[in-house]
Protein backbone atom coordinates (compact mmCIF):
# COMPACT_ATOMS: atom_id res chain seq x y z
CA MET A 1 -131.31 34.65 16.41
CA LYS A 2 -128.84 33.29 13.85
CA LYS A 3 -127.83 30.53 16.26
CA ILE A 4 -131.48 29.51 16.75
CA ILE A 5 -132.08 29.43 13.00
CA PHE A 6 -128.85 27.47 12.41
CA SER A 7 -129.75 25.01 15.18
CA ALA A 8 -133.18 24.47 13.65
CA LEU A 9 -131.65 23.95 10.22
CA ALA A 10 -129.01 21.62 11.64
CA ALA A 11 -131.69 19.57 13.42
CA ALA A 12 -133.71 19.36 10.23
CA GLY A 13 -130.58 18.38 8.28
CA VAL A 14 -129.60 15.66 10.72
CA SER A 15 -133.18 14.39 10.76
CA LEU A 16 -133.14 14.27 6.97
CA ILE A 17 -129.88 12.32 7.10
CA ALA A 18 -131.48 9.84 9.48
CA VAL A 19 -134.53 9.42 7.24
CA SER A 20 -132.27 9.24 4.18
CA ALA A 21 -130.29 6.49 5.87
CA PHE A 22 -133.38 4.30 5.87
CA ALA A 23 -134.54 5.28 2.40
CA HIS A 24 -131.33 4.78 0.42
CA GLY A 25 -130.19 1.29 1.23
CA ASP A 26 -126.40 0.93 1.20
CA ARG A 27 -125.74 4.63 0.66
CA GLY A 28 -127.87 5.38 3.70
CA GLY A 29 -126.09 2.69 5.70
CA LYS A 30 -123.00 4.84 6.00
CA ARG A 31 -125.07 7.80 7.15
CA PHE A 32 -126.92 5.61 9.60
CA ASP A 33 -123.64 4.27 10.98
CA GLN A 34 -122.36 7.82 11.44
CA LEU A 35 -125.40 8.68 13.54
CA ASP A 36 -125.52 5.38 15.44
CA GLN A 37 -122.52 6.18 17.66
CA ASN A 38 -122.93 3.21 20.02
CA ASN A 39 -123.50 0.75 17.13
CA ASP A 40 -126.66 -0.71 18.65
CA GLY A 41 -128.55 -0.53 15.34
CA GLU A 42 -130.80 2.31 16.52
CA ILE A 43 -130.60 6.09 16.40
CA THR A 44 -131.63 7.94 19.54
CA ALA A 45 -132.41 11.59 20.19
CA SER A 46 -129.12 11.91 22.09
CA GLU A 47 -127.19 10.55 19.09
CA ILE A 48 -128.92 13.09 16.84
CA ALA A 49 -128.08 15.83 19.37
CA ALA A 50 -124.45 14.67 19.36
CA ALA A 51 -124.43 14.79 15.55
CA GLU A 52 -125.83 18.33 15.68
CA ALA A 53 -123.07 19.31 18.12
CA ARG A 54 -120.43 17.83 15.79
CA MET A 55 -121.92 19.75 12.85
CA GLU A 56 -121.85 22.99 14.85
CA GLU A 57 -118.25 22.36 15.89
CA ARG A 58 -117.20 21.74 12.28
CA ARG A 59 -119.01 24.91 11.19
CA GLU A 60 -117.17 26.92 13.84
CA ASP A 61 -113.86 25.33 12.82
CA ARG A 62 -114.52 26.27 9.18
CA GLN A 63 -115.32 29.86 10.17
CA GLU A 64 -112.12 30.06 12.20
CA ARG A 65 -110.03 28.68 9.33
CA ARG A 66 -111.63 31.15 6.90
CA ALA A 67 -110.88 34.06 9.23
CA GLU A 68 -107.25 32.90 9.48
CA GLN A 69 -107.04 32.56 5.69
CA ARG A 70 -108.46 36.07 5.19
CA ALA A 71 -106.00 37.53 7.71
CA LYS A 72 -103.09 35.72 6.01
CA MET A 73 -104.20 36.90 2.57
CA LEU A 74 -104.53 40.49 3.74
CA ALA A 75 -101.11 40.38 5.40
CA GLU A 76 -99.54 39.00 2.20
CA ALA A 77 -101.32 41.49 -0.05
CA ASP A 78 -100.65 44.55 2.15
CA LYS A 79 -97.20 45.32 0.73
CA ASP A 80 -96.96 48.81 2.26
CA ASN A 81 -98.03 47.54 5.73
CA SER A 82 -100.77 50.15 5.94
CA GLY A 83 -103.25 47.75 7.55
CA SER A 84 -105.44 47.79 4.47
CA VAL A 85 -105.17 46.58 0.88
CA SER A 86 -105.46 48.95 -2.06
CA ARG A 87 -106.90 47.93 -5.42
CA GLU A 88 -103.39 47.84 -6.87
CA GLU A 89 -102.09 45.65 -4.04
CA MET A 90 -105.01 43.25 -4.49
CA GLN A 91 -104.45 43.05 -8.24
CA ALA A 92 -100.74 42.37 -7.72
CA TYR A 93 -101.51 39.75 -5.07
CA ARG A 94 -103.99 37.95 -7.33
CA ALA A 95 -101.59 38.04 -10.29
CA ALA A 96 -98.85 36.53 -8.13
CA ARG A 97 -101.21 33.78 -6.90
CA ARG A 98 -102.22 32.95 -10.49
CA ALA A 99 -98.56 32.75 -11.49
CA GLU A 100 -97.90 30.33 -8.60
CA ARG A 101 -100.66 28.00 -9.83
CA ASN A 102 -99.69 28.19 -13.50
CA PRO A 103 -97.91 24.98 -14.52
CA ASP A 104 -96.23 26.79 -17.47
CA LYS A 105 -93.10 27.59 -15.48
CA ASN A 106 -90.97 28.75 -18.40
CA GLY A 107 -93.70 31.08 -19.69
CA ASP A 108 -93.66 29.83 -23.27
CA GLY A 109 -97.46 29.50 -23.37
CA ILE A 110 -97.27 25.71 -23.58
CA VAL A 111 -97.51 23.23 -20.72
CA SER A 112 -95.04 20.45 -21.38
CA GLU A 113 -95.35 16.96 -19.93
CA VAL A 114 -92.57 17.76 -17.45
CA GLU A 115 -94.29 20.97 -16.31
CA PHE A 116 -97.61 19.14 -15.99
CA LEU A 117 -96.10 16.29 -13.97
CA ASP A 118 -94.15 18.71 -11.76
CA LYS A 119 -97.41 20.46 -10.87
CA ALA A 120 -99.10 17.09 -10.22
CA ARG A 121 -96.20 16.12 -7.90
CA GLU A 122 -96.56 19.40 -6.02
CA ARG A 123 -100.27 18.73 -5.51
CA PHE A 124 -99.60 15.15 -4.43
CA ASP A 125 -97.01 16.32 -1.92
CA ARG A 126 -99.44 18.92 -0.53
CA MET A 127 -102.14 16.27 -0.11
CA ASP A 128 -99.79 13.67 1.41
CA LYS A 129 -99.90 15.22 4.89
CA ASN A 130 -97.90 12.48 6.64
CA GLY A 131 -95.29 12.27 3.87
CA ASP A 132 -95.50 8.50 3.45
CA GLY A 133 -95.73 8.66 -0.36
CA VAL A 134 -99.28 7.27 -0.33
CA LEU A 135 -102.60 9.13 -0.27
CA SER A 136 -104.96 7.67 2.34
CA ASP A 137 -108.74 7.87 1.96
CA ASP A 138 -108.75 10.76 4.44
CA GLU A 139 -106.04 12.66 2.55
CA LEU A 140 -107.88 12.12 -0.75
CA ARG A 141 -111.17 13.26 0.75
CA LYS A 142 -109.59 16.40 2.18
CA GLY A 143 -107.81 17.09 -1.11
CA LYS A 144 -111.03 16.72 -3.08
CA ARG A 145 -112.91 19.03 -0.71
CA HIS A 146 -110.12 21.57 -1.00
CA GLY A 147 -110.21 21.44 -4.79
CA LYS A 148 -113.99 21.67 -5.01
CA ARG A 149 -114.23 24.49 -2.54
CA ARG A 150 -111.66 26.59 -4.34
CA GLY A 151 -112.53 25.47 -7.84
CA ARG A 152 -109.06 24.19 -8.58
CA GLY A 153 -106.57 21.53 -7.48
């Protein structure tokens, strides 16, 4: 049932993208181009179906990544290896994660320029997946999505 509902919503969403492509000029041009896989200047039902399949695949990939992230988090938080996480273990895990993100490395309550720039370099290095010292459009896009999704950078 959920799959049927999702498929219907995905079809409606892709259809809205196609209509939006026509209605929004240049902004819609990019959406149109994404749907028009054979670049013939027209969108067919098979191209919409292919877009729906890509959306479904991305959704499944996201679910898989989230499951892996949850398993990793639970393994890290479960300090006594009991197979479950107590309230105390979760609180300790979250405090440790906050400390990792805090740019105030010396704990003086002030973020110096050096501490700020060190944290910015760490983020840059995380985003620069191929290590070339330059952030490509794809790396920037993925970094922005990551930051938005988690509410931090």
